[in-house]
């Protein structure tokens, strides 16, 4: 059996803010913090930037994708990005991921 990646982009709709909030983390201070069973703060980091914005709802959405798509692992290829001015990445509300599956 071989693992194969599948690329996905996930972002939160404008109206999908609910009671959750965007949290600001420091890569140096909080990088190892476990946000959920499968994700740590450092996975959302932008190279060269200590600050990381992450919406709680995005974490919930990624965990739901993990289960729904039956991933063996998810690798975040792009999380928080300050250069993405017109993107939810700049708000901590989007992620590009590779969902890995076991192939028979």
PDB file of N, CA and C in Angstrom:
ATOM      1  N   UNK A   1       0.845  -1.183   0.000  1.00  0.00           N
ATOM      2  CA  UNK A   1       0.000   0.000   0.000  1.00  0.00           C
ATOM      3  C   UNK A   1       0.887   1.241   0.000  1.00  0.00           C
ATOM      4  N   UNK A   2       0.442   2.242  -0.696  1.00  0.00           N
ATOM      5  CA  UNK A   2       1.216   3.465  -0.858  1.00  0.00           C
ATOM      6  C   UNK A   2       0.364   4.667  -0.478  1.00  0.00           C
ATOM      7  N   UNK A   3       0.994   5.650   0.165  1.00  0.00           N
ATOM      8  CA  UNK A   3       0.285   6.885   0.502  1.00  0.00           C
ATOM      9  C   UNK A   3       0.358   7.846  -0.669  1.00  0.00           C
ATOM     10  N   UNK A   4      -0.765   8.483  -0.979  1.00  0.00           N
ATOM     11  CA  UNK A   4      -0.808   9.490  -2.037  1.00  0.00           C
ATOM     12  C   UNK A   4      -1.468  10.750  -1.502  1.00  0.00           C
ATOM     13  N   UNK A   5      -0.954  11.941  -1.894  1.00  0.00           N
ATOM     14  CA  UNK A   5      -1.547  13.191  -1.412  1.00  0.00           C
ATOM     15  C   UNK A   5      -2.634  13.696  -2.350  1.00  0.00           C
ATOM     16  N   UNK A   6      -3.585  14.407  -1.781  1.00  0.00           N
ATOM     17  CA  UNK A   6      -4.629  15.091  -2.540  1.00  0.00           C
ATOM     18  C   UNK A   6      -4.656  16.528  -2.048  1.00  0.00           C
ATOM     19  N   UNK A   7      -4.456  17.492  -2.959  1.00  0.00           N
ATOM     20  CA  UNK A   7      -4.401  18.905  -2.601  1.00  0.00           C
ATOM     21  C   UNK A   7      -5.808  19.468  -2.441  1.00  0.00           C
ATOM     22  N   UNK A   8      -6.023  20.245  -1.382  1.00  0.00           N
ATOM     23  CA  UNK A   8      -7.302  20.908  -1.136  1.00  0.00           C
ATOM     24  C   UNK A   8      -7.052  22.312  -0.604  1.00  0.00           C
ATOM     25  N   UNK A   9      -8.003  23.189  -0.840  1.00  0.00           N
ATOM     26  CA  UNK A   9      -8.000  24.523  -0.232  1.00  0.00           C
ATOM     27  C   UNK A   9      -9.282  24.618   0.576  1.00  0.00           C
ATOM     28  N   UNK A  10      -9.184  25.071   1.798  1.00  0.00           N
ATOM     29  CA  UNK A  10     -10.381  25.273   2.605  1.00  0.00           C
ATOM     30  C   UNK A  10     -10.346  26.676   3.192  1.00  0.00           C
ATOM     31  N   UNK A  11     -11.497  27.333   3.171  1.00  0.00           N
ATOM     32  CA  UNK A  11     -11.602  28.654   3.786  1.00  0.00           C
ATOM     33  C   UNK A  11     -12.998  28.803   4.359  1.00  0.00           C
ATOM     34  N   UNK A  12     -13.129  29.736   5.267  1.00  0.00           N
ATOM     35  CA  UNK A  12     -14.405  29.976   5.927  1.00  0.00           C
ATOM     36  C   UNK A  12     -15.186  31.027   5.165  1.00  0.00           C
ATOM     37  N   UNK A  13     -16.460  30.789   4.981  1.00  0.00           N
ATOM     38  CA  UNK A  13     -17.335  31.763   4.321  1.00  0.00           C
ATOM     39  C   UNK A  13     -17.469  32.993   5.210  1.00  0.00           C
ATOM     40  N   UNK A  14     -17.782  34.135   4.606  1.00  0.00           N
ATOM     41  CA  UNK A  14     -17.913  35.382   5.373  1.00  0.00           C
ATOM     42  C   UNK A  14     -18.878  35.257   6.536  1.00  0.00           C
ATOM     43  N   UNK A  15     -19.981  34.577   6.336  1.00  0.00           N
ATOM     44  CA  UNK A  15     -20.979  34.467   7.391  1.00  0.00           C
ATOM     45  C   UNK A  15     -20.667  33.409   8.423  1.00  0.00           C
ATOM     46  N   UNK A  16     -19.583  32.658   8.245  1.00  0.00           N
ATOM     47  CA  UNK A  16     -19.267  31.539   9.121  1.00  0.00           C
ATOM     48  C   UNK A  16     -18.311  31.959  10.229  1.00  0.00           C
ATOM     49  N   UNK A  17     -18.724  32.935  11.026  1.00  0.00           N
ATOM     50  CA  UNK A  17     -17.881  33.398  12.120  1.00  0.00           C
ATOM     51  C   UNK A  17     -18.410  32.935  13.472  1.00  0.00           C
ATOM     52  N   UNK A  18     -19.715  32.857  13.622  1.00  0.00           N
ATOM     53  CA  UNK A  18     -20.312  32.347  14.849  1.00  0.00           C
ATOM     54  C   UNK A  18     -19.722  32.967  16.096  1.00  0.00           C
ATOM     55  N   UNK A  19     -19.599  32.158  17.149  1.00  0.00           N
ATOM     56  CA  UNK A  19     -19.036  32.619  18.408  1.00  0.00           C
ATOM     57  C   UNK A  19     -17.521  32.441  18.451  1.00  0.00           C
ATOM     58  N   UNK A  20     -16.975  31.828  17.423  1.00  0.00           N
ATOM     59  CA  UNK A  20     -15.539  31.590  17.405  1.00  0.00           C
ATOM     60  C   UNK A  20     -14.797  32.871  17.078  1.00  0.00           C
ATOM     61  N   UNK A  21     -13.499  32.830  17.302  1.00  0.00           N
ATOM     62  CA  UNK A  21     -12.720  34.028  17.083  1.00  0.00           C
ATOM     63  C   UNK A  21     -11.365  33.694  16.499  1.00  0.00           C
ATOM     64  N   UNK A  22     -10.738  34.708  15.948  1.00  0.00           N
ATOM     65  CA  UNK A  22      -9.388  34.569  15.432  1.00  0.00           C
ATOM     66  C   UNK A  22      -8.425  34.839  16.584  1.00  0.00           C
ATOM     67  N   UNK A  23      -7.530  33.904  16.803  1.00  0.00           N
ATOM     68  CA  UNK A  23      -6.532  34.041  17.857  1.00  0.00           C
ATOM     69  C   UNK A  23      -5.186  34.397  17.245  1.00  0.00           C
ATOM     70  N   UNK A  24      -4.405  35.193  17.966  1.00  0.00           N
ATOM     71  CA  UNK A  24      -3.057  35.546  17.539  1.00  0.00           C
ATOM     72  C   UNK A  24      -2.066  34.752  18.377  1.00  0.00           C
ATOM     73  N   UNK A  25      -1.152  34.072  17.692  1.00  0.00           N
ATOM     74  CA  UNK A  25      -0.134  33.258  18.353  1.00  0.00           C
ATOM     75  C   UNK A  25       1.250  33.762  17.967  1.00  0.00           C
ATOM     76  N   UNK A  26       2.232  33.432  18.788  1.00  0.00           N
ATOM     77  CA  UNK A  26       3.642  33.678  18.493  1.00  0.00           C
ATOM     78  C   UNK A  26       4.276  32.333  18.152  1.00  0.00           C
ATOM     79  N   UNK A  27       4.946  32.262  17.013  1.00  0.00           N
ATOM     80  CA  UNK A  27       5.602  31.014  16.626  1.00  0.00           C
ATOM     81  C   UNK A  27       6.626  30.604  17.677  1.00  0.00           C
ATOM     82  N   UNK A  28       7.417  31.566  18.162  1.00  0.00           N
ATOM     83  CA  UNK A  28       8.448  31.260  19.160  1.00  0.00           C
ATOM     84  C   UNK A  28       7.841  30.762  20.465  1.00  0.00           C
ATOM     85  N   UNK A  29       6.824  31.422  20.928  1.00  0.00           N
ATOM     86  CA  UNK A  29       6.226  31.100  22.218  1.00  0.00           C
ATOM     87  C   UNK A  29       5.222  29.953  22.132  1.00  0.00           C
ATOM     88  N   UNK A  30       4.412  29.928  21.066  1.00  0.00           N
ATOM     89  CA  UNK A  30       3.273  29.011  20.998  1.00  0.00           C
ATOM     90  C   UNK A  30       3.386  27.933  19.924  1.00  0.00           C
ATOM     91  N   UNK A  31       4.491  27.893  19.201  1.00  0.00           N
ATOM     92  CA  UNK A  31       4.603  26.995  18.054  1.00  0.00           C
ATOM     93  C   UNK A  31       4.247  25.545  18.330  1.00  0.00           C
ATOM     94  N   UNK A  32       4.598  25.039  19.500  1.00  0.00           N
ATOM     95  CA  UNK A  32       4.336  23.633  19.828  1.00  0.00           C
ATOM     96  C   UNK A  32       2.939  23.402  20.409  1.00  0.00           C
ATOM     97  N   UNK A  33       2.164  24.463  20.570  1.00  0.00           N
ATOM     98  CA  UNK A  33       0.825  24.327  21.153  1.00  0.00           C
ATOM     99  C   UNK A  33      -0.069  23.475  20.263  1.00  0.00           C
ATOM    100  N   UNK A  34      -0.678  22.467  20.870  1.00  0.00           N
ATOM    101  CA  UNK A  34      -1.598  21.571  20.163  1.00  0.00           C
ATOM    102  C   UNK A  34      -2.968  22.243  20.122  1.00  0.00           C
ATOM    103  N   UNK A  35      -3.446  22.549  18.912  1.00  0.00           N
ATOM    104  CA  UNK A  35      -4.742  23.210  18.738  1.00  0.00           C
ATOM    105  C   UNK A  35      -5.891  22.207  18.703  1.00  0.00           C
ATOM    106  N   UNK A  36      -5.588  21.001  18.243  1.00  0.00           N
ATOM    107  CA  UNK A  36      -6.585  19.939  18.093  1.00  0.00           C
ATOM    108  C   UNK A  36      -5.817  18.624  18.005  1.00  0.00           C
ATOM    109  N   UNK A  37      -6.508  17.507  17.885  1.00  0.00           N
ATOM    110  CA  UNK A  37      -5.780  16.231  17.829  1.00  0.00           C
ATOM    111  C   UNK A  37      -4.738  16.129  16.708  1.00  0.00           C
ATOM    112  N   UNK A  38      -4.929  16.844  15.608  1.00  0.00           N
ATOM    113  CA  UNK A  38      -4.037  16.685  14.461  1.00  0.00           C
ATOM    114  C   UNK A  38      -3.241  17.928  14.077  1.00  0.00           C
ATOM    115  N   UNK A  39      -3.435  19.060  14.743  1.00  0.00           N
ATOM    116  CA  UNK A  39      -2.796  20.302  14.287  1.00  0.00           C
ATOM    117  C   UNK A  39      -2.151  21.084  15.426  1.00  0.00           C
ATOM    118  N   UNK A  40      -0.951  21.622  15.128  1.00  0.00           N
ATOM    119  CA  UNK A  40      -0.226  22.493  16.053  1.00  0.00           C
ATOM    120  C   UNK A  40      -0.114  23.883  15.434  1.00  0.00           C
ATOM    121  N   UNK A  41       0.105  24.875  16.281  1.00  0.00           N
ATOM    122  CA  UNK A  41       0.220  26.266  15.835  1.00  0.00           C
ATOM    123  C   UNK A  41       1.267  26.405  14.737  1.00  0.00           C
ATOM    124  N   UNK A  42       2.441  25.808  14.913  1.00  0.00           N
ATOM    125  CA  UNK A  42       3.547  26.001  13.960  1.00  0.00           C
ATOM    126  C   UNK A  42       3.206  25.580  12.533  1.00  0.00           C
ATOM    127  N   UNK A  43       2.221  24.708  12.365  1.00  0.00           N
ATOM    128  CA  UNK A  43       1.851  24.252  11.024  1.00  0.00           C
ATOM    129  C   UNK A  43       1.209  25.357  10.183  1.00  0.00           C
ATOM    130  N   UNK A  44       0.715  26.406  10.820  1.00  0.00           N
ATOM    131  CA  UNK A  44       0.049  27.512  10.126  1.00  0.00           C
ATOM    132  C   UNK A  44       0.988  28.695   9.889  1.00  0.00           C
ATOM    133  N   UNK A  45       2.241  28.585  10.336  1.00  0.00           N
ATOM    134  CA  UNK A  45       3.189  29.704  10.306  1.00  0.00           C
ATOM    135  C   UNK A  45       3.602  30.087   8.894  1.00  0.00           C
ATOM    136  N   UNK A  46       3.809  31.377   8.732  1.00  0.00           N
ATOM    137  CA  UNK A  46       4.365  31.937   7.503  1.00  0.00           C
ATOM    138  C   UNK A  46       5.875  32.081   7.708  1.00  0.00           C
ATOM    139  N   UNK A  47       6.700  31.620   6.765  1.00  0.00           N
ATOM    140  CA  UNK A  47       8.150  31.754   6.935  1.00  0.00           C
ATOM    141  C   UNK A  47       8.559  33.208   7.194  1.00  0.00           C
ATOM    142  N   UNK A  48       9.394  33.399   8.215  1.00  0.00           N
ATOM    143  CA  UNK A  48       9.912  34.724   8.524  1.00  0.00           C
ATOM    144  C   UNK A  48       8.994  35.605   9.350  1.00  0.00           C
ATOM    145  N   UNK A  49       7.868  35.076   9.810  1.00  0.00           N
ATOM    146  CA  UNK A  49       6.918  35.874  10.585  1.00  0.00           C
ATOM    147  C   UNK A  49       6.633  35.161  11.902  1.00  0.00           C
ATOM    148  N   UNK A  50       6.793  35.851  13.020  1.00  0.00           N
ATOM    149  CA  UNK A  50       6.527  35.247  14.322  1.00  0.00           C
ATOM    150  C   UNK A  50       5.035  35.197  14.633  1.00  0.00           C
ATOM    151  N   UNK A  51       4.261  36.160  14.136  1.00  0.00           N
ATOM    152  CA  UNK A  51       2.823  36.196  14.419  1.00  0.00           C
ATOM    153  C   UNK A  51       2.053  35.258  13.500  1.00  0.00           C
ATOM    154  N   UNK A  52       1.056  34.597  14.074  1.00  0.00           N
ATOM    155  CA  UNK A  52       0.210  33.675  13.319  1.00  0.00           C
ATOM    156  C   UNK A  52      -1.231  33.906  13.756  1.00  0.00           C
ATOM    157  N   UNK A  53      -2.116  34.176  12.804  1.00  0.00           N
ATOM    158  CA  UNK A  53      -3.544  34.286  13.085  1.00  0.00           C
ATOM    159  C   UNK A  53      -4.213  32.977  12.696  1.00  0.00           C
ATOM    160  N   UNK A  54      -5.070  32.454  13.592  1.00  0.00           N
ATOM    161  CA  UNK A  54      -5.790  31.213  13.308  1.00  0.00           C
ATOM    162  C   UNK A  54      -7.197  31.323  13.873  1.00  0.00           C
ATOM    163  N   UNK A  55      -8.184  31.128  13.026  1.00  0.00           N
ATOM    164  CA  UNK A  55      -9.583  31.121  13.441  1.00  0.00           C
ATOM    165  C   UNK A  55      -9.921  29.749  14.022  1.00  0.00           C
ATOM    166  N   UNK A  56     -10.555  29.727  15.184  1.00  0.00           N
ATOM    167  CA  UNK A  56     -10.958  28.467  15.816  1.00  0.00           C
ATOM    168  C   UNK A  56     -11.806  27.602  14.885  1.00  0.00           C
ATOM    169  N   UNK A  57     -12.678  28.239  14.124  1.00  0.00           N
ATOM    170  CA  UNK A  57     -13.574  27.504  13.238  1.00  0.00           C
ATOM    171  C   UNK A  57     -12.800  26.807  12.126  1.00  0.00           C
ATOM    172  N   UNK A  58     -11.690  27.399  11.681  1.00  0.00           N
ATOM    173  CA  UNK A  58     -10.858  26.754  10.665  1.00  0.00           C
ATOM    174  C   UNK A  58     -10.306  25.431  11.196  1.00  0.00           C
ATOM    175  N   UNK A  59      -9.880  25.427  12.442  1.00  0.00           N
ATOM    176  CA  UNK A  59      -9.370  24.193  13.049  1.00  0.00           C
ATOM    177  C   UNK A  59     -10.467  23.135  13.072  1.00  0.00           C
ATOM    178  N   UNK A  60     -11.668  23.531  13.478  1.00  0.00           N
ATOM    179  CA  UNK A  60     -12.800  22.595  13.492  1.00  0.00           C
ATOM    180  C   UNK A  60     -13.073  22.046  12.095  1.00  0.00           C
ATOM    181  N   UNK A  61     -13.008  22.930  11.099  1.00  0.00           N
ATOM    182  CA  UNK A  61     -13.268  22.522   9.718  1.00  0.00           C
ATOM    183  C   UNK A  61     -12.190  21.547   9.228  1.00  0.00           C
ATOM    184  N   UNK A  62     -10.946  21.800   9.568  1.00  0.00           N
ATOM    185  CA  UNK A  62      -9.864  20.903   9.162  1.00  0.00           C
ATOM    186  C   UNK A  62      -9.994  19.535   9.823  1.00  0.00           C
ATOM    187  N   UNK A  63     -10.375  19.516  11.091  1.00  0.00           N
ATOM    188  CA  UNK A  63     -10.585  18.232  11.771  1.00  0.00           C
ATOM    189  C   UNK A  63     -11.745  17.460  11.129  1.00  0.00           C
ATOM    190  N   UNK A  64     -12.799  18.171  10.741  1.00  0.00           N
ATOM    191  CA  UNK A  64     -13.931  17.521  10.070  1.00  0.00           C
ATOM    192  C   UNK A  64     -13.500  16.942   8.722  1.00  0.00           C
ATOM    193  N   UNK A  65     -12.676  17.681   7.977  1.00  0.00           N
ATOM    194  CA  UNK A  65     -12.152  17.174   6.704  1.00  0.00           C
ATOM    195  C   UNK A  65     -11.287  15.940   6.924  1.00  0.00           C
ATOM    196  N   UNK A  66     -10.475  15.973   7.947  1.00  0.00           N
ATOM    197  CA  UNK A  66      -9.603  14.850   8.281  1.00  0.00           C
ATOM    198  C   UNK A  66     -10.425  13.574   8.424  1.00  0.00           C
ATOM    199  N   UNK A  67     -11.519  13.678   9.151  1.00  0.00           N
ATOM    200  CA  UNK A  67     -12.384  12.511   9.373  1.00  0.00           C
ATOM    201  C   UNK A  67     -13.187  12.153   8.123  1.00  0.00           C
ATOM    202  N   UNK A  68     -13.793  13.141   7.496  1.00  0.00           N
ATOM    203  CA  UNK A  68     -14.669  12.897   6.348  1.00  0.00           C
ATOM    204  C   UNK A  68     -13.912  12.299   5.170  1.00  0.00           C
ATOM    205  N   UNK A  69     -12.691  12.769   4.943  1.00  0.00           N
ATOM    206  CA  UNK A  69     -11.904  12.293   3.809  1.00  0.00           C
ATOM    207  C   UNK A  69     -11.042  11.083   4.158  1.00  0.00           C
ATOM    208  N   UNK A  70     -11.110  10.657   5.423  1.00  0.00           N
ATOM    209  CA  UNK A  70     -10.365   9.489   5.893  1.00  0.00           C
ATOM    210  C   UNK A  70      -8.866   9.636   5.612  1.00  0.00           C
ATOM    211  N   UNK A  71      -8.328  10.795   5.976  1.00  0.00           N
ATOM    212  CA  UNK A  71      -6.909  11.075   5.744  1.00  0.00           C
ATOM    213  C   UNK A  71      -6.048  10.294   6.738  1.00  0.00           C
ATOM    214  N   UNK A  72      -4.888   9.852   6.273  1.00  0.00           N
ATOM    215  CA  UNK A  72      -3.922   9.273   7.198  1.00  0.00           C
ATOM    216  C   UNK A  72      -3.092  10.383   7.840  1.00  0.00           C
ATOM    217  N   UNK A  73      -2.965  11.500   7.128  1.00  0.00           N
ATOM    218  CA  UNK A  73      -2.336  12.710   7.669  1.00  0.00           C
ATOM    219  C   UNK A  73      -2.732  13.876   6.777  1.00  0.00           C
ATOM    220  N   UNK A  74      -2.694  15.065   7.345  1.00  0.00           N
ATOM    221  CA  UNK A  74      -2.899  16.299   6.590  1.00  0.00           C
ATOM    222  C   UNK A  74      -1.676  17.172   6.807  1.00  0.00           C
ATOM    223  N   UNK A  75      -1.124  17.668   5.719  1.00  0.00           N
ATOM    224  CA  UNK A  75      -0.005  18.604   5.791  1.00  0.00           C
ATOM    225  C   UNK A  75      -0.503  19.956   5.293  1.00  0.00           C
ATOM    226  N   UNK A  76      -0.346  20.976   6.130  1.00  0.00           N
ATOM    227  CA  UNK A  76      -0.741  22.331   5.743  1.00  0.00           C
ATOM    228  C   UNK A  76       0.395  22.916   4.911  1.00  0.00           C
ATOM    229  N   UNK A  77       0.104  23.196   3.651  1.00  0.00           N
ATOM    230  CA  UNK A  77       1.129  23.751   2.761  1.00  0.00           C
ATOM    231  C   UNK A  77       1.138  25.273   2.800  1.00  0.00           C
ATOM    232  N   UNK A  78       0.024  25.868   3.219  1.00  0.00           N
ATOM    233  CA  UNK A  78      -0.061  27.316   3.360  1.00  0.00           C
ATOM    234  C   UNK A  78      -1.175  27.645   4.341  1.00  0.00           C
ATOM    235  N   UNK A  79      -0.824  28.337   5.413  1.00  0.00           N
ATOM    236  CA  UNK A  79      -1.810  28.753   6.406  1.00  0.00           C
ATOM    237  C   UNK A  79      -1.918  30.266   6.416  1.00  0.00           C
ATOM    238  N   UNK A  80      -1.471  30.888   7.511  1.00  0.00           N
ATOM    239  CA  UNK A  80      -1.510  32.342   7.637  1.00  0.00           C
ATOM    240  C   UNK A  80      -0.489  32.970   6.700  1.00  0.00           C
ATOM    241  N   UNK A  81      -0.925  33.974   5.920  1.00  0.00           N
ATOM    242  CA  UNK A  81      -0.027  34.674   4.987  1.00  0.00           C
ATOM    243  C   UNK A  81      -0.327  36.165   5.018  1.00  0.00           C
ATOM    244  N   UNK A  82       0.669  36.965   5.354  1.00  0.00           N
ATOM    245  CA  UNK A  82       0.468  38.418   5.392  1.00  0.00           C
ATOM    246  C   UNK A  82       0.444  39.028   4.004  1.00  0.00           C
ATOM    247  N   UNK A  83       1.045  38.362   3.019  1.00  0.00           N
ATOM    248  CA  UNK A  83       1.087  38.915   1.662  1.00  0.00           C
ATOM    249  C   UNK A  83      -0.212  38.677   0.897  1.00  0.00           C
ATOM    250  N   UNK A  84      -1.117  37.932   1.467  1.00  0.00           N
ATOM    251  CA  UNK A  84      -2.385  37.603   0.803  1.00  0.00           C
ATOM    252  C   UNK A  84      -3.456  38.598   1.245  1.00  0.00           C
ATOM    253  N   UNK A  85      -3.293  39.862   0.872  1.00  0.00           N
ATOM    254  CA  UNK A  85      -4.148  40.950   1.371  1.00  0.00           C
ATOM    255  C   UNK A  85      -5.637  40.748   1.096  1.00  0.00           C
ATOM    256  N   UNK A  86      -5.993  40.228  -0.060  1.00  0.00           N
ATOM    257  CA  UNK A  86      -7.406  40.050  -0.413  1.00  0.00           C
ATOM    258  C   UNK A  86      -7.831  38.593  -0.238  1.00  0.00           C
ATOM    259  N   UNK A  87      -7.208  37.911   0.706  1.00  0.00           N
ATOM    260  CA  UNK A  87      -7.452  36.481   0.904  1.00  0.00           C
ATOM    261  C   UNK A  87      -7.797  36.194   2.358  1.00  0.00           C
ATOM    262  N   UNK A  88      -8.526  35.137   2.581  1.00  0.00           N
ATOM    263  CA  UNK A  88      -8.828  34.717   3.950  1.00  0.00           C
ATOM    264  C   UNK A  88      -7.581  34.190   4.661  1.00  0.00           C
ATOM    265  N   UNK A  89      -6.535  33.876   3.898  1.00  0.00           N
ATOM    266  CA  UNK A  89      -5.261  33.484   4.516  1.00  0.00           C
ATOM    267  C   UNK A  89      -4.746  34.613   5.411  1.00  0.00           C
ATOM    268  N   UNK A  90      -4.908  35.859   4.990  1.00  0.00           N
ATOM    269  CA  UNK A  90      -4.426  37.012   5.760  1.00  0.00           C
ATOM    270  C   UNK A  90      -5.241  37.240   7.030  1.00  0.00           C
ATOM    271  N   UNK A  91      -6.417  36.630   7.104  1.00  0.00           N
ATOM    272  CA  UNK A  91      -7.285  36.737   8.283  1.00  0.00           C
ATOM    273  C   UNK A  91      -7.148  35.521   9.197  1.00  0.00           C
ATOM    274  N   UNK A  92      -6.325  34.551   8.803  1.00  0.00           N
ATOM    275  CA  UNK A  92      -6.210  33.312   9.574  1.00  0.00           C
ATOM    276  C   UNK A  92      -7.416  32.410   9.389  1.00  0.00           C
ATOM    277  N   UNK A  93      -8.099  32.560   8.244  1.00  0.00           N
ATOM    278  CA  UNK A  93      -9.352  31.843   8.020  1.00  0.00           C
ATOM    279  C   UNK A  93      -9.310  30.933   6.790  1.00  0.00           C
ATOM    280  N   UNK A  94      -8.085  30.551   6.345  1.00  0.00           N
ATOM    281  CA  UNK A  94      -7.958  29.661   5.185  1.00  0.00           C
ATOM    282  C   UNK A  94      -6.676  28.848   5.304  1.00  0.00           C
ATOM    283  N   UNK A  95      -6.673  27.691   4.652  1.00  0.00           N
ATOM    284  CA  UNK A  95      -5.482  26.845   4.606  1.00  0.00           C
ATOM    285  C   UNK A  95      -5.488  26.025   3.324  1.00  0.00           C
ATOM    286  N   UNK A  96      -4.308  25.857   2.765  1.00  0.00           N
ATOM    287  CA  UNK A  96      -4.114  24.921   1.666  1.00  0.00           C
ATOM    288  C   UNK A  96      -3.501  23.675   2.287  1.00  0.00           C
ATOM    289  N   UNK A  97      -4.019  22.521   1.929  1.00  0.00           N
ATOM    290  CA  UNK A  97      -3.585  21.289   2.582  1.00  0.00           C
ATOM    291  C   UNK A  97      -3.354  20.172   1.575  1.00  0.00           C
ATOM    292  N   UNK A  98      -2.546  19.217   1.993  1.00  0.00           N
ATOM    293  CA  UNK A  98      -2.442  17.935   1.315  1.00  0.00           C
ATOM    294  C   UNK A  98      -3.024  16.895   2.255  1.00  0.00           C
ATOM    295  N   UNK A  99      -4.053  16.209   1.794  1.00  0.00           N
ATOM    296  CA  UNK A  99      -4.667  15.120   2.554  1.00  0.00           C
ATOM    297  C   UNK A  99      -4.093  13.818   2.003  1.00  0.00           C
ATOM    298  N   UNK A 100      -3.431  13.074   2.839  1.00  0.00           N
ATOM    299  CA  UNK A 100      -2.805  11.818   2.415  1.00  0.00           C
ATOM    300  C   UNK A 100      -3.743  10.646   2.692  1.00  0.00           C
ATOM    301  N   UNK A 101      -3.793   9.717   1.727  1.00  0.00           N
ATOM    302  CA  UNK A 101      -4.620   8.507   1.837  1.00  0.00           C
ATOM    303  C   UNK A 101      -3.751   7.285   1.596  1.00  0.00           C
ATOM    304  N   UNK A 102      -4.153   6.181   2.188  1.00  0.00           N
ATOM    305  CA  UNK A 102      -3.509   4.906   1.881  1.00  0.00           C
ATOM    306  C   UNK A 102      -4.191   4.326   0.656  1.00  0.00           C
ATOM    307  N   UNK A 103      -3.411   4.002  -0.353  1.00  0.00           N
ATOM    308  CA  UNK A 103      -3.934   3.385  -1.575  1.00  0.00           C
ATOM    309  C   UNK A 103      -3.655   1.892  -1.525  1.00  0.00           C
ATOM    310  N   UNK A 104      -4.625   1.104  -1.940  1.00  0.00           N
ATOM    311  CA  UNK A 104      -4.446  -0.360  -1.984  1.00  0.00           C
ATOM    312  C   UNK A 104      -3.736  -0.774  -3.243  1.00  0.00           C
TER     313      UNK A 104
END
